[in-house]
Protein backbone atom coordinates (compact mmCIF):
# COMPACT_ATOMS: atom_id res chain seq x y z
CA MET A 1 -85.86 -19.17 -94.75
CA ILE A 2 -89.60 -20.03 -95.22
CA SER A 3 -92.33 -17.76 -96.57
CA LEU A 4 -96.00 -17.57 -97.26
CA THR A 5 -97.67 -16.29 -100.34
CA GLU A 6 -100.31 -13.53 -99.91
CA LYS A 7 -103.02 -16.14 -100.72
CA ALA A 8 -101.61 -18.64 -98.13
CA ALA A 9 -101.41 -15.96 -95.45
CA ALA A 10 -104.98 -14.88 -96.08
CA LYS A 11 -106.16 -18.46 -95.75
CA VAL A 12 -104.09 -18.87 -92.58
CA ASN A 13 -105.68 -15.79 -91.10
CA GLU A 14 -109.17 -16.84 -92.16
CA ILE A 15 -108.77 -20.20 -90.41
CA ARG A 16 -107.21 -18.61 -87.35
CA GLU A 17 -110.08 -16.17 -86.94
CA ALA A 18 -112.75 -18.88 -87.56
CA GLU A 19 -111.10 -20.99 -84.81
CA GLY A 20 -110.58 -18.17 -82.44
CA LEU A 21 -106.81 -18.64 -82.50
CA THR A 22 -105.90 -14.97 -83.11
CA GLU A 23 -102.81 -14.93 -80.77
CA GLN A 24 -101.22 -18.19 -82.10
CA GLY A 25 -98.61 -18.69 -84.73
CA LEU A 26 -98.36 -21.25 -87.40
CA ARG A 27 -96.03 -24.24 -86.66
CA VAL A 28 -94.43 -25.51 -89.84
CA LYS A 29 -92.92 -28.95 -89.28
CA VAL A 30 -91.27 -31.83 -91.24
CA ILE A 31 -92.12 -35.23 -89.97
CA GLY A 32 -91.13 -38.74 -91.10
CA GLY A 33 -93.53 -40.56 -93.17
CA GLY A 34 -95.49 -40.27 -96.41
CA CYS A 35 -94.72 -42.16 -99.55
CA SER A 36 -91.53 -40.21 -100.28
CA GLY A 37 -90.02 -40.26 -96.81
CA PHE A 38 -90.98 -36.93 -95.24
CA SER A 39 -94.14 -34.99 -95.00
CA TYR A 40 -95.21 -31.52 -93.99
CA ASP A 41 -97.28 -30.61 -90.90
CA LEU A 42 -99.01 -27.34 -90.12
CA PHE A 43 -100.78 -26.40 -86.90
CA PHE A 44 -101.48 -23.44 -84.76
CA GLU A 45 -99.39 -23.12 -81.57
CA ASP A 46 -98.66 -20.43 -79.03
CA GLU A 47 -95.59 -21.90 -77.39
CA THR A 48 -92.03 -21.85 -78.80
CA THR A 49 -88.67 -23.04 -77.47
CA ASP A 50 -85.24 -21.46 -77.47
CA LEU A 51 -84.39 -23.83 -80.42
CA ASP A 52 -87.22 -22.51 -82.72
CA GLN A 53 -86.76 -20.11 -85.50
CA ILE A 54 -89.53 -17.46 -85.60
CA VAL A 55 -90.15 -15.92 -88.92
CA GLU A 56 -92.89 -13.45 -89.92
CA SER A 57 -94.15 -13.70 -93.42
CA GLU A 58 -97.05 -11.67 -94.82
CA GLY A 59 -98.03 -10.78 -91.23
CA VAL A 60 -98.12 -14.41 -90.00
CA LYS A 61 -95.74 -15.69 -87.36
CA LEU A 62 -94.13 -19.01 -88.46
CA PHE A 63 -92.52 -21.26 -85.91
CA VAL A 64 -89.93 -23.82 -87.24
CA ASP A 65 -87.92 -26.21 -85.05
CA MET A 66 -84.22 -26.70 -85.84
CA MET A 67 -84.63 -30.25 -87.42
CA SER A 68 -87.36 -29.01 -89.82
CA ALA A 69 -85.49 -25.83 -90.69
CA GLN A 70 -82.82 -27.67 -92.49
CA TYR A 71 -85.39 -29.27 -94.87
CA LEU A 72 -87.42 -26.02 -95.31
CA GLU A 73 -84.78 -23.55 -96.32
CA GLY A 74 -86.15 -21.47 -99.22
CA THR A 75 -89.60 -23.07 -99.08
CA GLN A 76 -92.64 -21.07 -100.13
CA ILE A 77 -96.19 -22.10 -98.95
CA ASP A 78 -99.00 -21.21 -101.21
CA TYR A 79 -102.74 -22.00 -100.95
CA VAL A 80 -104.27 -23.49 -104.11
CA GLU A 81 -107.79 -24.44 -105.23
CA GLY A 82 -108.37 -26.85 -108.04
CA LEU A 83 -110.35 -29.70 -109.41
CA GLN A 84 -108.69 -32.11 -106.96
CA GLY A 85 -109.53 -29.87 -103.99
CA ALA A 86 -107.91 -27.11 -102.08
CA GLY A 87 -105.00 -26.93 -99.71
CA PHE A 88 -101.55 -25.66 -98.89
CA LYS A 89 -98.86 -26.35 -101.48
CA PHE A 90 -95.13 -26.39 -100.54
CA SER A 91 -92.50 -25.28 -103.10
CA ASN A 92 -89.40 -26.72 -101.56
CA PRO A 93 -86.10 -26.23 -103.45
CA THR A 94 -84.30 -28.66 -101.23
CA ALA A 95 -86.61 -31.62 -101.94
CA LYS A 96 -85.00 -34.11 -104.24
CA GLY A 97 -88.35 -35.72 -105.15
CA THR A 98 -92.12 -35.48 -104.31
CA CYS A 99 -94.93 -37.93 -104.43
CA GLY A 100 -97.77 -37.60 -106.87
CA CYS A 101 -100.13 -35.89 -104.35
CA GLY A 102 -97.38 -33.43 -103.32
CA SER A 103 -97.84 -34.04 -99.54
CA SER A 104 -94.52 -35.75 -99.06
CA PHE A 105 -90.99 -35.42 -100.21
CA SER A 106 -87.49 -36.88 -100.21
CA ALA A 107 -84.39 -35.09 -99.16
């Protein structure tokens, strides 16, 4: 399924603690849009549905809806810092193409 690197999990926990969201999981979602057709969305959430997959990676609960799960199989989320800024990077083996900025993909 989907996983976080150790560095990404540390950043998620840092943000969660700073925002006082210690009991919430991380929703990982694929939405329509972006220059390649689909984009990724991450946000904290405490409610799930019966149709969600709940995965724990590096101590972080990840919530993935059924539609998003089909596009995220085998995806690893990392946190990177570089000259162009910092942010979460998705390594998605099911993506057929990505945009230059890496925030959207085609399936």
